[in-house]
Amino acid sequence: MDLINEMKTIGADMDAGLSRFMGNTQLLETMLKKLPESIAQNSGIDQDIESGNISAAILKSHTLKGNTGNLSVTPLFKMYTELTDLLRAQKIPEAKELLKKILPVQKTVLDIIARHS
């Protein structure tokens, strides 16, 4: 199974992604393969929350929301959208709980991408 079809199996809207990339499958796959770097660069949201650096957590969450949205990685996009909203509303306990749910989904996405890199 190719990368785009495997991403579809976890609920990523790759049809919307392909539309956003004007039907260029190769370009979408290239950009998907850059997602792990963005996730690595924006890791540590949990540490930011624990240390009280909520503005850093918001910035990282918002960046990942945008990146996953642009790539139509729908499950992560929806979760990072909610996380960003919770952090902005200072709903820290709820944000911590959601982050626990995000990380396994994120690992699944990273594992799929790694299989195709």
Protein backbone atom coordinates (compact mmCIF):
# COMPACT_ATOMS: atom_id res chain seq x y z
CA MET A 1 0.00 0.00 0.00
CA ASP A 2 1.37 3.43 -0.88
CA LEU A 3 1.74 6.30 1.59
CA ILE A 4 -1.38 8.20 0.56
CA ASN A 5 -3.64 5.15 0.73
CA GLU A 6 -2.18 4.09 4.07
CA MET A 7 -2.81 7.58 5.45
CA LYS A 8 -6.44 7.24 4.33
CA THR A 9 -6.79 4.14 6.54
CA ILE A 10 -6.31 6.28 9.66
CA GLY A 11 -8.82 8.91 8.56
CA ALA A 12 -6.55 11.38 6.77
CA ASP A 13 -8.46 13.19 4.02
CA MET A 14 -5.91 12.60 1.29
CA ASP A 15 -8.43 13.52 -1.41
CA ALA A 16 -8.53 17.04 0.05
CA GLY A 17 -4.75 16.96 0.34
CA LEU A 18 -4.39 16.02 -3.29
CA SER A 19 -6.77 18.81 -4.23
CA ARG A 20 -4.70 21.27 -2.19
CA PHE A 21 -1.60 20.06 -4.07
CA MET A 22 -3.37 20.30 -7.44
CA GLY A 23 -3.47 16.53 -7.85
CA ASN A 24 0.31 16.18 -7.58
CA THR A 25 0.70 12.91 -5.68
CA GLN A 26 4.48 13.10 -5.61
CA LEU A 27 4.44 16.59 -4.09
CA LEU A 28 1.94 15.58 -1.41
CA GLU A 29 4.05 12.53 -0.53
CA THR A 30 7.19 14.68 -0.39
CA MET A 31 5.51 17.13 1.97
CA LEU A 32 4.07 14.34 4.13
CA LYS A 33 7.60 12.96 4.51
CA LYS A 34 8.65 16.34 5.95
CA LEU A 35 6.02 16.16 8.70
CA PRO A 36 8.23 14.15 11.11
CA GLU A 37 10.78 16.97 11.08
CA SER A 38 8.10 19.50 11.98
CA ILE A 39 6.81 17.26 14.75
CA ALA A 40 10.35 16.89 16.13
CA GLN A 41 10.92 20.64 15.99
CA ASN A 42 7.69 21.25 17.88
CA SER A 43 7.99 18.47 20.45
CA GLY A 44 7.95 19.05 24.17
CA ILE A 45 4.47 20.50 24.48
CA ASP A 46 3.97 18.41 27.61
CA GLN A 47 7.17 19.78 29.15
CA ASP A 48 6.12 23.33 28.25
CA ILE A 49 2.78 22.81 29.97
CA GLU A 50 4.41 21.30 33.06
CA SER A 51 6.89 24.18 33.33
CA GLY A 52 4.12 26.74 32.92
CA ASN A 53 5.33 27.97 29.54
CA ILE A 54 1.86 27.92 28.04
CA SER A 55 2.74 30.43 25.30
CA ALA A 56 5.41 28.03 23.97
CA ALA A 57 2.93 25.15 24.13
CA ILE A 58 0.36 27.20 22.22
CA LEU A 59 2.90 28.16 19.55
CA LYS A 60 3.97 24.53 19.03
CA SER A 61 0.41 23.23 19.03
CA HIS A 62 -0.71 25.94 16.60
CA THR A 63 2.22 25.16 14.27
CA LEU A 64 1.38 21.45 14.24
CA LYS A 65 -2.30 22.26 13.73
CA GLY A 66 -1.36 24.26 10.64
CA ASN A 67 1.07 21.70 9.27
CA THR A 68 -1.28 18.76 9.73
CA GLY A 69 -4.18 20.80 8.32
CA ASN A 70 -2.25 21.81 5.23
CA LEU A 71 -1.38 18.14 4.65
CA SER A 72 -4.93 16.95 5.42
CA VAL A 73 -3.74 14.67 8.22
CA THR A 74 -7.23 15.02 9.61
CA PRO A 75 -6.98 13.09 12.90
CA LEU A 76 -3.98 15.12 14.09
CA PHE A 77 -5.36 18.36 12.68
CA LYS A 78 -8.59 18.00 14.66
CA MET A 79 -6.73 17.07 17.84
CA TYR A 80 -4.17 19.88 17.56
CA THR A 81 -6.98 22.35 16.83
CA GLU A 82 -8.71 21.31 20.04
CA LEU A 83 -5.43 21.36 21.99
CA THR A 84 -4.64 24.87 20.79
CA ASP A 85 -8.12 26.03 21.80
CA LEU A 86 -7.83 24.44 25.25
CA LEU A 87 -4.43 25.98 25.86
CA ARG A 88 -5.63 29.42 24.77
CA ALA A 89 -8.57 29.07 27.15
CA GLN A 90 -6.14 28.10 29.95
CA LYS A 91 -7.91 24.74 30.34
CA ILE A 92 -4.68 23.05 31.32
CA PRO A 93 -6.00 19.79 32.86
CA GLU A 94 -8.10 19.17 29.75
CA ALA A 95 -5.14 19.99 27.50
CA LYS A 96 -2.95 17.50 29.38
CA GLU A 97 -5.55 14.76 28.94
CA LEU A 98 -5.95 15.49 25.24
CA LEU A 99 -2.19 15.45 24.72
CA LYS A 100 -2.14 11.90 26.12
CA LYS A 101 -4.56 10.95 23.33
CA ILE A 102 -2.65 12.84 20.63
CA LEU A 103 0.71 11.16 21.15
CA PRO A 104 -0.36 7.60 20.15
CA VAL A 105 -2.13 8.90 17.04
CA GLN A 106 0.94 10.96 16.19
CA LYS A 107 3.14 7.88 16.61
CA THR A 108 0.90 5.97 14.19
CA VAL A 109 1.25 8.76 11.62
CA LEU A 110 5.02 8.85 12.08
CA ASP A 111 5.24 5.05 11.76
CA ILE A 112 3.27 5.13 8.50
CA ILE A 113 5.49 7.85 7.07
CA ALA A 114 8.64 6.02 8.19
CA ARG A 115 7.52 2.88 6.32
CA HIS A 116 7.42 4.91 3.11
CA SER A 117 10.57 7.01 3.54
